[in-house]
Amino acid sequence: MRLFAAVLPPPDAIRELASVVHELEGMPGARGLRWTERPAWHFTLAFYGEVAEDVVPDLSERLSRAARRTEPFPLSLCRGGHFGGRALWVGASGDVAAMRLLADRAESAGRKAGVETGEHRRYRPHLTLARSNRGSADFRPYVTALDAFVGQEWTVDELCLVRSRLPRSGVAGEQPRHETVERWGLGADG
């Protein structure tokens, strides 16, 4: 199964961001982008790819330990950025150092469980809003529109293991479906 570790923003933060994204979708050129569906919004901490079912219990145990070793922390959605002409994202503010630590622990849990996690890079918290449909897109106007956005703060208090089911229908624009497989509370009491 195709898995990743994630932090899921709470419904209030999603609603707040959705109103901003609704405005972005009305900007010139927005119809040429593939906008991420709201229920799928998340911060990926570690992407595991295809994981054999017999590895999942060990991975889960290691993620549970990572969650217990990480205290809850404050976070909010804020501002935006882009990865070249490929993707538009909204970032995070608050205890970003704690988020990076949790991402490092989730990546380490995967490696120790025998999951190939690829090249290690410094974690940059981001939630993908849109992708380019064809080639490279100019995301600068959208990033400028997101400059003033600072969402309400919430407490990150859980780590999630999410399964991603890729589209199989061949319908243009169809997006992966995400299903939370397990959740662990952060901190010793989690």
N, C-alpha and C. Protein backbone atom coordinates (compact mmCIF):
# COMPACT_ATOMS: atom_id res chain seq x y z
N MET A 1 0.83 -1.18 0.00
CA MET A 1 0.00 0.00 0.00
C MET A 1 0.88 1.25 0.00
N ARG A 2 0.40 2.31 -0.58
CA ARG A 2 1.13 3.57 -0.72
C ARG A 2 0.84 4.43 0.52
N LEU A 3 1.89 4.73 1.30
CA LEU A 3 1.71 5.37 2.59
C LEU A 3 2.58 6.61 2.78
N PHE A 4 2.12 7.50 3.65
CA PHE A 4 2.94 8.62 4.10
C PHE A 4 2.51 9.01 5.51
N ALA A 5 3.44 9.65 6.24
CA ALA A 5 3.14 10.19 7.57
C ALA A 5 2.76 11.64 7.38
N ALA A 6 1.78 12.11 8.17
CA ALA A 6 1.29 13.47 7.95
C ALA A 6 0.74 14.11 9.22
N VAL A 7 0.65 15.44 9.14
CA VAL A 7 -0.10 16.24 10.10
C VAL A 7 -1.30 16.77 9.33
N LEU A 8 -2.49 16.57 9.88
CA LEU A 8 -3.73 17.02 9.24
C LEU A 8 -4.24 18.27 9.96
N PRO A 9 -4.37 19.39 9.26
CA PRO A 9 -4.92 20.58 9.91
C PRO A 9 -6.37 20.34 10.35
N PRO A 10 -6.80 20.99 11.44
CA PRO A 10 -8.17 20.80 11.91
C PRO A 10 -9.18 21.46 10.96
N PRO A 11 -10.45 21.07 11.06
CA PRO A 11 -11.49 21.61 10.17
C PRO A 11 -11.56 23.13 10.12
N ASP A 12 -11.39 23.82 11.25
CA ASP A 12 -11.45 25.28 11.24
C ASP A 12 -10.34 25.89 10.38
N ALA A 13 -9.15 25.34 10.48
CA ALA A 13 -8.02 25.83 9.67
C ALA A 13 -8.26 25.55 8.19
N ILE A 14 -8.85 24.40 7.90
CA ILE A 14 -9.16 24.04 6.50
C ILE A 14 -10.20 25.01 5.93
N ARG A 15 -11.25 25.30 6.71
CA ARG A 15 -12.29 26.24 6.24
C ARG A 15 -11.69 27.62 5.98
N GLU A 16 -10.85 28.06 6.89
CA GLU A 16 -10.22 29.37 6.75
C GLU A 16 -9.37 29.43 5.47
N LEU A 17 -8.57 28.40 5.24
CA LEU A 17 -7.74 28.35 4.04
C LEU A 17 -8.60 28.21 2.79
N ALA A 18 -9.68 27.45 2.87
CA ALA A 18 -10.56 27.23 1.71
C ALA A 18 -11.12 28.55 1.20
N SER A 19 -11.44 29.48 2.10
CA SER A 19 -11.98 30.76 1.64
C SER A 19 -10.92 31.55 0.88
N VAL A 20 -9.68 31.46 1.30
CA VAL A 20 -8.58 32.14 0.60
C VAL A 20 -8.34 31.48 -0.75
N VAL A 21 -8.33 30.16 -0.77
CA VAL A 21 -8.09 29.44 -2.02
C VAL A 21 -9.22 29.69 -3.01
N HIS A 22 -10.44 29.83 -2.51
CA HIS A 22 -11.57 30.14 -3.40
C HIS A 22 -11.29 31.43 -4.18
N GLU A 23 -10.72 32.42 -3.52
CA GLU A 23 -10.35 33.66 -4.20
C GLU A 23 -9.23 33.43 -5.22
N LEU A 24 -8.25 32.60 -4.86
CA LEU A 24 -7.15 32.30 -5.79
C LEU A 24 -7.67 31.61 -7.05
N GLU A 25 -8.66 30.75 -6.87
CA GLU A 25 -9.21 30.02 -8.02
C GLU A 25 -9.93 30.93 -9.01
N GLY A 26 -10.24 32.14 -8.58
CA GLY A 26 -10.88 33.11 -9.46
C GLY A 26 -9.89 34.01 -10.19
N MET A 27 -8.62 33.84 -9.91
CA MET A 27 -7.60 34.69 -10.55
C MET A 27 -7.36 34.25 -11.99
N PRO A 28 -6.85 35.17 -12.82
CA PRO A 28 -6.54 34.81 -14.22
C PRO A 28 -5.55 33.64 -14.28
N GLY A 29 -5.86 32.68 -15.14
CA GLY A 29 -4.99 31.51 -15.33
C GLY A 29 -5.24 30.37 -14.37
N ALA A 30 -6.10 30.58 -13.37
CA ALA A 30 -6.33 29.56 -12.35
C ALA A 30 -6.97 28.29 -12.91
N ARG A 31 -7.74 28.43 -13.97
CA ARG A 31 -8.39 27.25 -14.54
C ARG A 31 -7.39 26.29 -15.18
N GLY A 32 -6.21 26.80 -15.48
CA GLY A 32 -5.17 25.96 -16.07
C GLY A 32 -4.36 25.19 -15.04
N LEU A 33 -4.73 25.32 -13.75
CA LEU A 33 -4.04 24.61 -12.68
C LEU A 33 -4.90 23.47 -12.16
N ARG A 34 -4.27 22.50 -11.55
CA ARG A 34 -4.98 21.38 -10.92
C ARG A 34 -4.97 21.66 -9.41
N TRP A 35 -6.12 22.10 -8.89
CA TRP A 35 -6.24 22.48 -7.49
C TRP A 35 -6.47 21.24 -6.63
N THR A 36 -5.76 21.18 -5.51
CA THR A 36 -5.90 20.05 -4.59
C THR A 36 -7.24 20.15 -3.88
N GLU A 37 -7.91 19.01 -3.74
CA GLU A 37 -9.22 18.99 -3.08
C GLU A 37 -9.05 19.22 -1.58
N ARG A 38 -9.99 19.95 -1.00
CA ARG A 38 -9.90 20.33 0.41
C ARG A 38 -9.77 19.16 1.37
N PRO A 39 -10.53 18.09 1.22
CA PRO A 39 -10.38 17.00 2.21
C PRO A 39 -8.99 16.38 2.19
N ALA A 40 -8.23 16.59 1.12
CA ALA A 40 -6.91 15.97 1.00
C ALA A 40 -5.79 16.86 1.54
N TRP A 41 -6.09 18.06 2.03
CA TRP A 41 -5.04 18.95 2.49
C TRP A 41 -4.33 18.39 3.72
N HIS A 42 -3.02 18.37 3.66
CA HIS A 42 -2.21 17.81 4.74
C HIS A 42 -0.77 18.30 4.62
N PHE A 43 -0.02 18.16 5.68
CA PHE A 43 1.42 18.37 5.68
C PHE A 43 2.07 16.99 5.65
N THR A 44 2.70 16.63 4.56
CA THR A 44 3.42 15.36 4.50
C THR A 44 4.70 15.51 5.31
N LEU A 45 4.91 14.58 6.24
CA LEU A 45 6.12 14.57 7.05
C LEU A 45 7.17 13.65 6.45
N ALA A 46 6.73 12.48 5.98
CA ALA A 46 7.62 11.50 5.36
C ALA A 46 6.80 10.70 4.36
N PHE A 47 7.31 10.58 3.14
CA PHE A 47 6.62 9.80 2.12
C PHE A 47 7.30 8.45 2.03
N TYR A 48 6.51 7.37 2.18
CA TYR A 48 7.06 6.02 2.19
C TYR A 48 6.86 5.28 0.86
N GLY A 49 5.93 5.74 0.04
CA GLY A 49 5.66 5.03 -1.21
C GLY A 49 4.98 3.70 -0.94
N GLU A 50 5.24 2.74 -1.80
CA GLU A 50 4.64 1.41 -1.65
C GLU A 50 5.30 0.67 -0.49
N VAL A 51 4.49 0.26 0.48
CA VAL A 51 4.98 -0.45 1.66
C VAL A 51 4.29 -1.80 1.73
N ALA A 52 5.07 -2.86 1.86
CA ALA A 52 4.50 -4.21 1.98
C ALA A 52 3.67 -4.31 3.27
N GLU A 53 2.55 -5.02 3.19
CA GLU A 53 1.66 -5.11 4.34
C GLU A 53 2.33 -5.69 5.58
N ASP A 54 3.29 -6.60 5.40
CA ASP A 54 3.95 -7.19 6.56
C ASP A 54 4.93 -6.22 7.25
N VAL A 55 5.24 -5.09 6.62
CA VAL A 55 6.12 -4.08 7.20
C VAL A 55 5.31 -3.05 8.00
N VAL A 56 4.02 -2.92 7.70
CA VAL A 56 3.19 -1.87 8.31
C VAL A 56 3.15 -1.97 9.84
N PRO A 57 3.04 -3.15 10.46
CA PRO A 57 3.02 -3.17 11.94
C PRO A 57 4.30 -2.59 12.56
N ASP A 58 5.46 -2.91 12.01
CA ASP A 58 6.71 -2.36 12.54
C ASP A 58 6.77 -0.85 12.32
N LEU A 59 6.39 -0.41 11.13
CA LEU A 59 6.35 1.03 10.84
C LEU A 59 5.41 1.74 11.82
N SER A 60 4.25 1.16 12.04
CA SER A 60 3.27 1.75 12.95
C SER A 60 3.82 1.86 14.37
N GLU A 61 4.47 0.83 14.84
CA GLU A 61 5.05 0.86 16.19
C GLU A 61 6.10 1.95 16.30
N ARG A 62 6.92 2.08 15.29
CA ARG A 62 7.97 3.10 15.30
C ARG A 62 7.37 4.51 15.22
N LEU A 63 6.31 4.68 14.44
CA LEU A 63 5.63 5.99 14.39
C LEU A 63 4.96 6.31 15.72
N SER A 64 4.42 5.30 16.37
CA SER A 64 3.81 5.49 17.68
C SER A 64 4.86 6.02 18.67
N ARG A 65 6.06 5.45 18.65
CA ARG A 65 7.14 5.92 19.52
C ARG A 65 7.55 7.35 19.17
N ALA A 66 7.62 7.64 17.87
CA ALA A 66 7.98 9.00 17.44
C ALA A 66 6.95 10.00 17.96
N ALA A 67 5.68 9.64 17.91
CA ALA A 67 4.62 10.53 18.40
C ALA A 67 4.75 10.74 19.91
N ARG A 68 4.98 9.67 20.65
CA ARG A 68 5.10 9.79 22.12
C ARG A 68 6.30 10.67 22.52
N ARG A 69 7.36 10.66 21.70
CA ARG A 69 8.57 11.43 22.01
C ARG A 69 8.45 12.90 21.60
N THR A 70 7.37 13.27 20.94
CA THR A 70 7.19 14.64 20.45
C THR A 70 6.02 15.29 21.18
N GLU A 71 6.29 16.38 21.86
CA GLU A 71 5.22 17.08 22.58
C GLU A 71 4.34 17.85 21.59
N PRO A 72 3.05 18.04 21.91
CA PRO A 72 2.18 18.87 21.06
C PRO A 72 2.80 20.26 20.89
N PHE A 73 2.52 20.88 19.75
CA PHE A 73 3.12 22.18 19.45
C PHE A 73 2.16 23.04 18.65
N PRO A 74 2.32 24.39 18.74
CA PRO A 74 1.44 25.31 18.01
C PRO A 74 1.89 25.46 16.55
N LEU A 75 0.90 25.61 15.68
CA LEU A 75 1.17 25.80 14.25
C LEU A 75 0.03 26.59 13.65
N SER A 76 0.31 27.30 12.59
CA SER A 76 -0.75 27.94 11.80
C SER A 76 -0.33 27.94 10.35
N LEU A 77 -1.32 28.00 9.48
CA LEU A 77 -1.07 28.11 8.05
C LEU A 77 -0.72 29.57 7.75
N CYS A 78 0.25 29.79 6.88
CA CYS A 78 0.59 31.17 6.56
C CYS A 78 1.34 31.28 5.25
N ARG A 79 1.16 32.43 4.62
CA ARG A 79 1.85 32.80 3.39
C ARG A 79 1.92 31.65 2.39
N GLY A 80 2.59 31.89 1.31
CA GLY A 80 2.66 30.87 0.28
C GLY A 80 4.01 30.86 -0.40
N GLY A 81 4.17 29.89 -1.26
CA GLY A 81 5.39 29.75 -2.03
C GLY A 81 5.15 28.81 -3.18
N HIS A 82 6.20 28.52 -3.92
CA HIS A 82 6.05 27.58 -5.04
C HIS A 82 7.35 26.83 -5.23
N PHE A 83 7.23 25.65 -5.77
CA PHE A 83 8.38 24.85 -6.16
C PHE A 83 8.50 25.00 -7.67
N GLY A 84 9.35 25.92 -8.09
CA GLY A 84 9.50 26.19 -9.52
C GLY A 84 8.15 26.49 -10.12
N GLY A 85 7.88 25.94 -11.28
CA GLY A 85 6.59 26.11 -11.93
C GLY A 85 5.71 24.90 -11.76
N ARG A 86 6.05 24.04 -10.78
CA ARG A 86 5.33 22.77 -10.62
C ARG A 86 4.20 22.82 -9.60
N ALA A 87 4.42 23.50 -8.45
CA ALA A 87 3.44 23.43 -7.37
C ALA A 87 3.36 24.73 -6.58
N LEU A 88 2.15 25.08 -6.18
CA LEU A 88 1.86 26.21 -5.31
C LEU A 88 1.52 25.65 -3.94
N TRP A 89 2.06 26.28 -2.88
CA TRP A 89 1.80 25.78 -1.54
C TRP A 89 1.58 26.91 -0.55
N VAL A 90 0.99 26.55 0.59
CA VAL A 90 0.88 27.45 1.73
C VAL A 90 1.82 26.88 2.80
N GLY A 91 2.48 27.77 3.53
CA GLY A 91 3.45 27.34 4.51
C GLY A 91 2.89 27.28 5.92
N ALA A 92 3.80 27.26 6.88
CA ALA A 92 3.42 27.15 8.29
C ALA A 92 4.25 28.11 9.12
N SER A 93 3.66 28.57 10.21
CA SER A 93 4.39 29.33 11.22
C SER A 93 4.03 28.74 12.57
N GLY A 94 4.74 29.15 13.57
CA GLY A 94 4.57 28.56 14.90
C GLY A 94 5.83 27.80 15.23
N ASP A 95 5.70 26.68 15.88
CA ASP A 95 6.86 25.89 16.27
C ASP A 95 7.29 24.99 15.11
N VAL A 96 7.85 25.62 14.09
CA VAL A 96 8.29 24.90 12.89
C VAL A 96 9.43 23.95 13.24
N ALA A 97 10.24 24.28 14.24
CA ALA A 97 11.33 23.39 14.67
C ALA A 97 10.76 22.06 15.17
N ALA A 98 9.67 22.12 15.92
CA ALA A 98 9.02 20.88 16.40
C ALA A 98 8.45 20.08 15.23
N MET A 99 7.92 20.77 14.24
CA MET A 99 7.39 20.10 13.04
C MET A 99 8.53 19.39 12.30
N ARG A 100 9.67 20.08 12.19
CA ARG A 100 10.84 19.45 11.53
C ARG A 100 11.31 18.23 12.31
N LEU A 101 11.32 18.34 13.62
CA LEU A 101 11.74 17.21 14.45
C LEU A 101 10.79 16.03 14.25
N LEU A 102 9.48 16.29 14.22
CA LEU A 102 8.51 15.22 13.99
C LEU A 102 8.71 14.60 12.60
N ALA A 103 8.98 15.43 11.60
CA ALA A 103 9.24 14.92 10.25
C ALA A 103 10.49 14.04 10.23
N ASP A 104 11.55 14.49 10.91
CA ASP A 104 12.78 13.68 10.98
C ASP A 104 12.51 12.35 11.66
N ARG A 105 11.72 12.37 12.71
CA ARG A 105 11.40 11.13 13.44
C ARG A 105 10.53 10.19 12.58
N ALA A 106 9.61 10.77 11.81
CA ALA A 106 8.77 9.95 10.92
C ALA A 106 9.61 9.33 9.81
N GLU A 107 10.56 10.09 9.27
CA GLU A 107 11.45 9.56 8.24
C GLU A 107 12.33 8.45 8.82
N SER A 108 12.86 8.68 10.00
CA SER A 108 13.70 7.69 10.68
C SER A 108 12.92 6.41 10.97
N ALA A 109 11.66 6.57 11.39
CA ALA A 109 10.80 5.39 11.65
C ALA A 109 10.68 4.54 10.40
N GLY A 110 10.51 5.19 9.26
CA GLY A 110 10.42 4.45 8.00
C GLY A 110 11.70 3.72 7.68
N ARG A 111 12.83 4.40 7.79
CA ARG A 111 14.12 3.76 7.50
C ARG A 111 14.35 2.56 8.40
N LYS A 112 14.09 2.74 9.71
CA LYS A 112 14.32 1.65 10.67
C LYS A 112 13.37 0.47 10.45
N ALA A 113 12.23 0.74 9.84
CA ALA A 113 11.28 -0.34 9.53
C ALA A 113 11.61 -1.00 8.19
N GLY A 114 12.64 -0.47 7.51
CA GLY A 114 13.06 -1.06 6.24
C GLY A 114 12.41 -0.44 5.02
N VAL A 115 11.80 0.74 5.19
CA VAL A 115 11.15 1.42 4.07
C VAL A 115 12.16 2.38 3.44
N GLU A 116 12.31 2.33 2.14
CA GLU A 116 13.21 3.25 1.43
C GLU A 116 12.54 4.61 1.36
N THR A 117 13.16 5.61 2.01
CA THR A 117 12.55 6.94 2.04
C THR A 117 13.22 7.91 1.08
N GLY A 118 14.24 7.47 0.35
CA GLY A 118 14.90 8.34 -0.61
C GLY A 118 15.91 9.26 0.06
N GLU A 119 16.35 10.25 -0.68
CA GLU A 119 17.36 11.18 -0.21
C GLU A 119 16.80 12.07 0.89
N HIS A 120 17.56 12.22 1.97
CA HIS A 120 17.13 13.09 3.07
C HIS A 120 17.35 14.55 2.69
N ARG A 121 16.33 15.35 2.87
CA ARG A 121 16.41 16.80 2.64
C ARG A 121 15.87 17.50 3.88
N ARG A 122 16.34 18.72 4.10
CA ARG A 122 15.81 19.51 5.22
C ARG A 122 14.31 19.71 4.99
N TYR A 123 13.54 19.40 6.00
CA TYR A 123 12.08 19.46 5.88
C TYR A 123 11.60 20.90 5.79
N ARG A 124 10.74 21.17 4.82
CA ARG A 124 10.10 22.48 4.67
C ARG A 124 8.60 22.26 4.76
N PRO A 125 7.96 22.66 5.89
CA PRO A 125 6.53 22.42 6.01
C PRO A 125 5.74 23.17 4.94
N HIS A 126 4.95 22.43 4.20
CA HIS A 126 4.11 23.04 3.16
C HIS A 126 2.91 22.16 2.89
N LEU A 127 1.85 22.79 2.51
CA LEU A 127 0.60 22.12 2.16
C LEU A 127 0.33 22.49 0.69
N THR A 128 0.31 21.52 -0.19
CA THR A 128 0.16 21.79 -1.62
C THR A 128 -1.26 22.21 -1.95
N LEU A 129 -1.37 23.36 -2.64
CA LEU A 129 -2.68 23.90 -3.03
C LEU A 129 -3.01 23.59 -4.48
N ALA A 130 -2.01 23.66 -5.36
CA ALA A 130 -2.25 23.47 -6.80
C ALA A 130 -0.98 23.01 -7.47
N ARG A 131 -1.17 22.34 -8.60
CA ARG A 131 -0.06 21.88 -9.43
C ARG A 131 -0.29 22.36 -10.85
N SER A 132 0.80 22.44 -11.58
CA SER A 132 0.72 22.81 -12.98
C SER A 132 0.16 21.63 -13.78
N ASN A 133 -0.78 21.89 -14.66
CA ASN A 133 -1.32 20.83 -15.52
C ASN A 133 -0.36 20.48 -16.64
N ARG A 134 0.28 21.49 -17.17
CA ARG A 134 1.18 21.28 -18.31
C ARG A 134 2.45 22.08 -18.10
N GLY A 135 3.57 21.43 -18.13
CA GLY A 135 4.84 22.14 -18.05
C GLY A 135 4.96 23.00 -16.81
N SER A 136 5.42 24.21 -17.01
CA SER A 136 5.68 25.12 -15.91
C SER A 136 4.63 26.22 -15.86
N ALA A 137 4.19 26.56 -14.66
CA ALA A 137 3.20 27.63 -14.48
C ALA A 137 3.85 28.79 -13.73
N ASP A 138 3.31 29.98 -13.91
CA ASP A 138 3.78 31.16 -13.19
C ASP A 138 2.92 31.32 -11.94
N PHE A 139 3.46 30.91 -10.81
CA PHE A 139 2.72 30.97 -9.55
C PHE A 139 2.93 32.27 -8.79
N ARG A 140 3.76 33.17 -9.31
CA ARG A 140 4.07 34.41 -8.58
C ARG A 140 2.84 35.23 -8.19
N PRO A 141 1.83 35.41 -9.07
CA PRO A 141 0.67 36.20 -8.64
C PRO A 141 -0.08 35.55 -7.46
N TYR A 142 -0.10 34.22 -7.42
CA TYR A 142 -0.78 33.52 -6.34
C TYR A 142 0.00 33.65 -5.03
N VAL A 143 1.33 33.56 -5.13
CA VAL A 143 2.18 33.72 -3.95
C VAL A 143 2.02 35.14 -3.40
N THR A 144 1.97 36.13 -4.28
CA THR A 144 1.76 37.52 -3.86
C THR A 144 0.42 37.65 -3.14
N ALA A 145 -0.61 37.01 -3.67
CA ALA A 145 -1.94 37.07 -3.05
C ALA A 145 -1.94 36.39 -1.67
N LEU A 146 -1.06 35.42 -1.47
CA LEU A 146 -0.98 34.71 -0.19
C LEU A 146 -0.08 35.40 0.83
N ASP A 147 0.66 36.43 0.41
CA ASP A 147 1.62 37.09 1.30
C ASP A 147 1.03 37.53 2.63
N ALA A 148 -0.19 38.03 2.62
CA ALA A 148 -0.81 38.56 3.84
C ALA A 148 -1.55 37.48 4.64
N PHE A 149 -1.65 36.27 4.11
CA PHE A 149 -2.44 35.24 4.79
C PHE A 149 -1.69 34.67 6.00
N VAL A 150 -2.34 34.77 7.16
CA VAL A 150 -1.88 34.12 8.38
C VAL A 150 -3.13 33.55 9.03
N GLY A 151 -3.21 32.24 9.08
CA GLY A 151 -4.38 31.58 9.65
C GLY A 151 -4.32 31.52 11.17
N GLN A 152 -5.42 31.07 11.73
CA GLN A 152 -5.49 30.92 13.18
C GLN A 152 -4.55 29.81 13.65
N GLU A 153 -4.05 29.98 14.86
CA GLU A 153 -3.14 28.98 15.42
C GLU A 153 -3.93 27.81 15.99
N TRP A 154 -3.39 26.64 15.87
CA TRP A 154 -3.96 25.45 16.49
C TRP A 154 -2.83 24.63 17.08
N THR A 155 -3.17 23.63 17.87
CA THR A 155 -2.17 22.76 18.47
C THR A 155 -2.11 21.46 17.68
N VAL A 156 -0.92 21.16 17.15
CA VAL A 156 -0.70 19.87 16.50
C VAL A 156 -0.57 18.86 17.63
N ASP A 157 -1.51 17.92 17.68
CA ASP A 157 -1.50 16.97 18.79
C ASP A 157 -1.57 15.52 18.34
N GLU A 158 -1.41 15.29 17.01
CA GLU A 158 -1.37 13.91 16.56
C GLU A 158 -0.56 13.75 15.28
N LEU A 159 -0.07 12.54 15.10
CA LEU A 159 0.66 12.11 13.93
C LEU A 159 -0.21 11.07 13.24
N CYS A 160 -0.33 11.16 11.91
CA CYS A 160 -1.20 10.24 11.18
C CYS A 160 -0.41 9.45 10.14
N LEU A 161 -0.79 8.20 9.96
CA LEU A 161 -0.31 7.38 8.86
C LEU A 161 -1.44 7.35 7.85
N VAL A 162 -1.15 7.80 6.63
CA VAL A 162 -2.18 7.97 5.61
C VAL A 162 -1.89 7.09 4.41
N ARG A 163 -2.95 6.47 3.91
CA ARG A 163 -2.85 5.66 2.69
C ARG A 163 -3.34 6.51 1.52
N SER A 164 -2.59 6.48 0.44
CA SER A 164 -2.94 7.23 -0.76
C SER A 164 -3.32 6.24 -1.85
N ARG A 165 -4.52 6.39 -2.37
CA ARG A 165 -4.98 5.53 -3.47
C ARG A 165 -4.97 6.37 -4.74
N LEU A 166 -4.12 5.98 -5.66
CA LEU A 166 -3.98 6.73 -6.91
C LEU A 166 -5.20 6.53 -7.80
N PRO A 167 -5.52 7.52 -8.63
CA PRO A 167 -6.65 7.38 -9.55
C PRO A 167 -6.42 6.23 -10.53
N ARG A 168 -7.50 5.54 -10.84
CA ARG A 168 -7.41 4.43 -11.79
C ARG A 168 -8.36 4.60 -12.97
N SER A 169 -9.21 5.60 -12.88
CA SER A 169 -10.26 5.73 -13.89
C SER A 169 -9.76 6.31 -15.21
N GLY A 170 -8.64 7.05 -15.14
CA GLY A 170 -8.16 7.70 -16.35
C GLY A 170 -8.87 9.00 -16.65
N VAL A 171 -9.76 9.43 -15.76
CA VAL A 171 -10.49 10.68 -15.95
C VAL A 171 -9.54 11.84 -15.65
N ALA A 172 -9.44 12.78 -16.59
CA ALA A 172 -8.55 13.92 -16.41
C ALA A 172 -8.91 14.70 -15.15
N GLY A 173 -7.91 15.06 -14.38
CA GLY A 173 -8.13 15.85 -13.18
C GLY A 173 -8.48 15.06 -11.94
N GLU A 174 -8.70 13.75 -12.09
CA GLU A 174 -9.02 12.94 -10.91
C GLU A 174 -7.81 12.94 -9.98
N GLN A 175 -8.08 13.01 -8.68
CA GLN A 175 -7.00 13.13 -7.70
C GLN A 175 -6.92 11.88 -6.82
N PRO A 176 -5.75 11.68 -6.20
CA PRO A 176 -5.64 10.54 -5.28
C PRO A 176 -6.63 10.69 -4.12
N ARG A 177 -7.05 9.58 -3.58
CA ARG A 177 -7.90 9.57 -2.39
C ARG A 177 -7.01 9.22 -1.20
N HIS A 178 -7.21 9.93 -0.11
CA HIS A 178 -6.42 9.68 1.09
C HIS A 178 -7.29 9.14 2.20
N GLU A 179 -6.77 8.15 2.89
CA GLU A 179 -7.49 7.51 3.99
C GLU A 179 -6.54 7.39 5.18
N THR A 180 -6.94 7.93 6.32
CA THR A 180 -6.10 7.83 7.52
C THR A 180 -6.19 6.40 8.05
N VAL A 181 -5.03 5.75 8.12
CA VAL A 181 -4.96 4.35 8.56
C VAL A 181 -4.83 4.27 10.08
N GLU A 182 -3.96 5.13 10.65
CA GLU A 182 -3.75 5.15 12.10
C GLU A 182 -3.46 6.57 12.55
N ARG A 183 -3.74 6.84 13.82
CA ARG A 183 -3.45 8.14 14.45
C ARG A 183 -2.83 7.88 15.81
N TRP A 184 -1.84 8.73 16.14
CA TRP A 184 -1.21 8.64 17.45
C TRP A 184 -1.16 10.02 18.06
N GLY A 185 -1.57 10.12 19.32
CA GLY A 185 -1.47 11.39 20.02
C GLY A 185 -0.02 11.72 20.31
N LEU A 186 0.31 13.01 20.27
CA LEU A 186 1.68 13.42 20.57
C LEU A 186 1.89 13.53 22.07
N GLY A 187 3.13 13.31 22.50
CA GLY A 187 3.50 13.46 23.89
C GLY A 187 3.33 12.17 24.68
N ALA A 188 3.85 12.21 25.88
CA ALA A 188 3.83 11.02 26.75
C ALA A 188 2.41 10.55 27.05
N ASP A 189 1.46 11.49 27.07
CA ASP A 189 0.07 11.11 27.35
C ASP A 189 -0.69 10.69 26.11
N GLY A 190 -0.07 10.83 24.93
CA GLY A 190 -0.72 10.51 23.65
C GLY A 190 -0.96 9.08 23.49
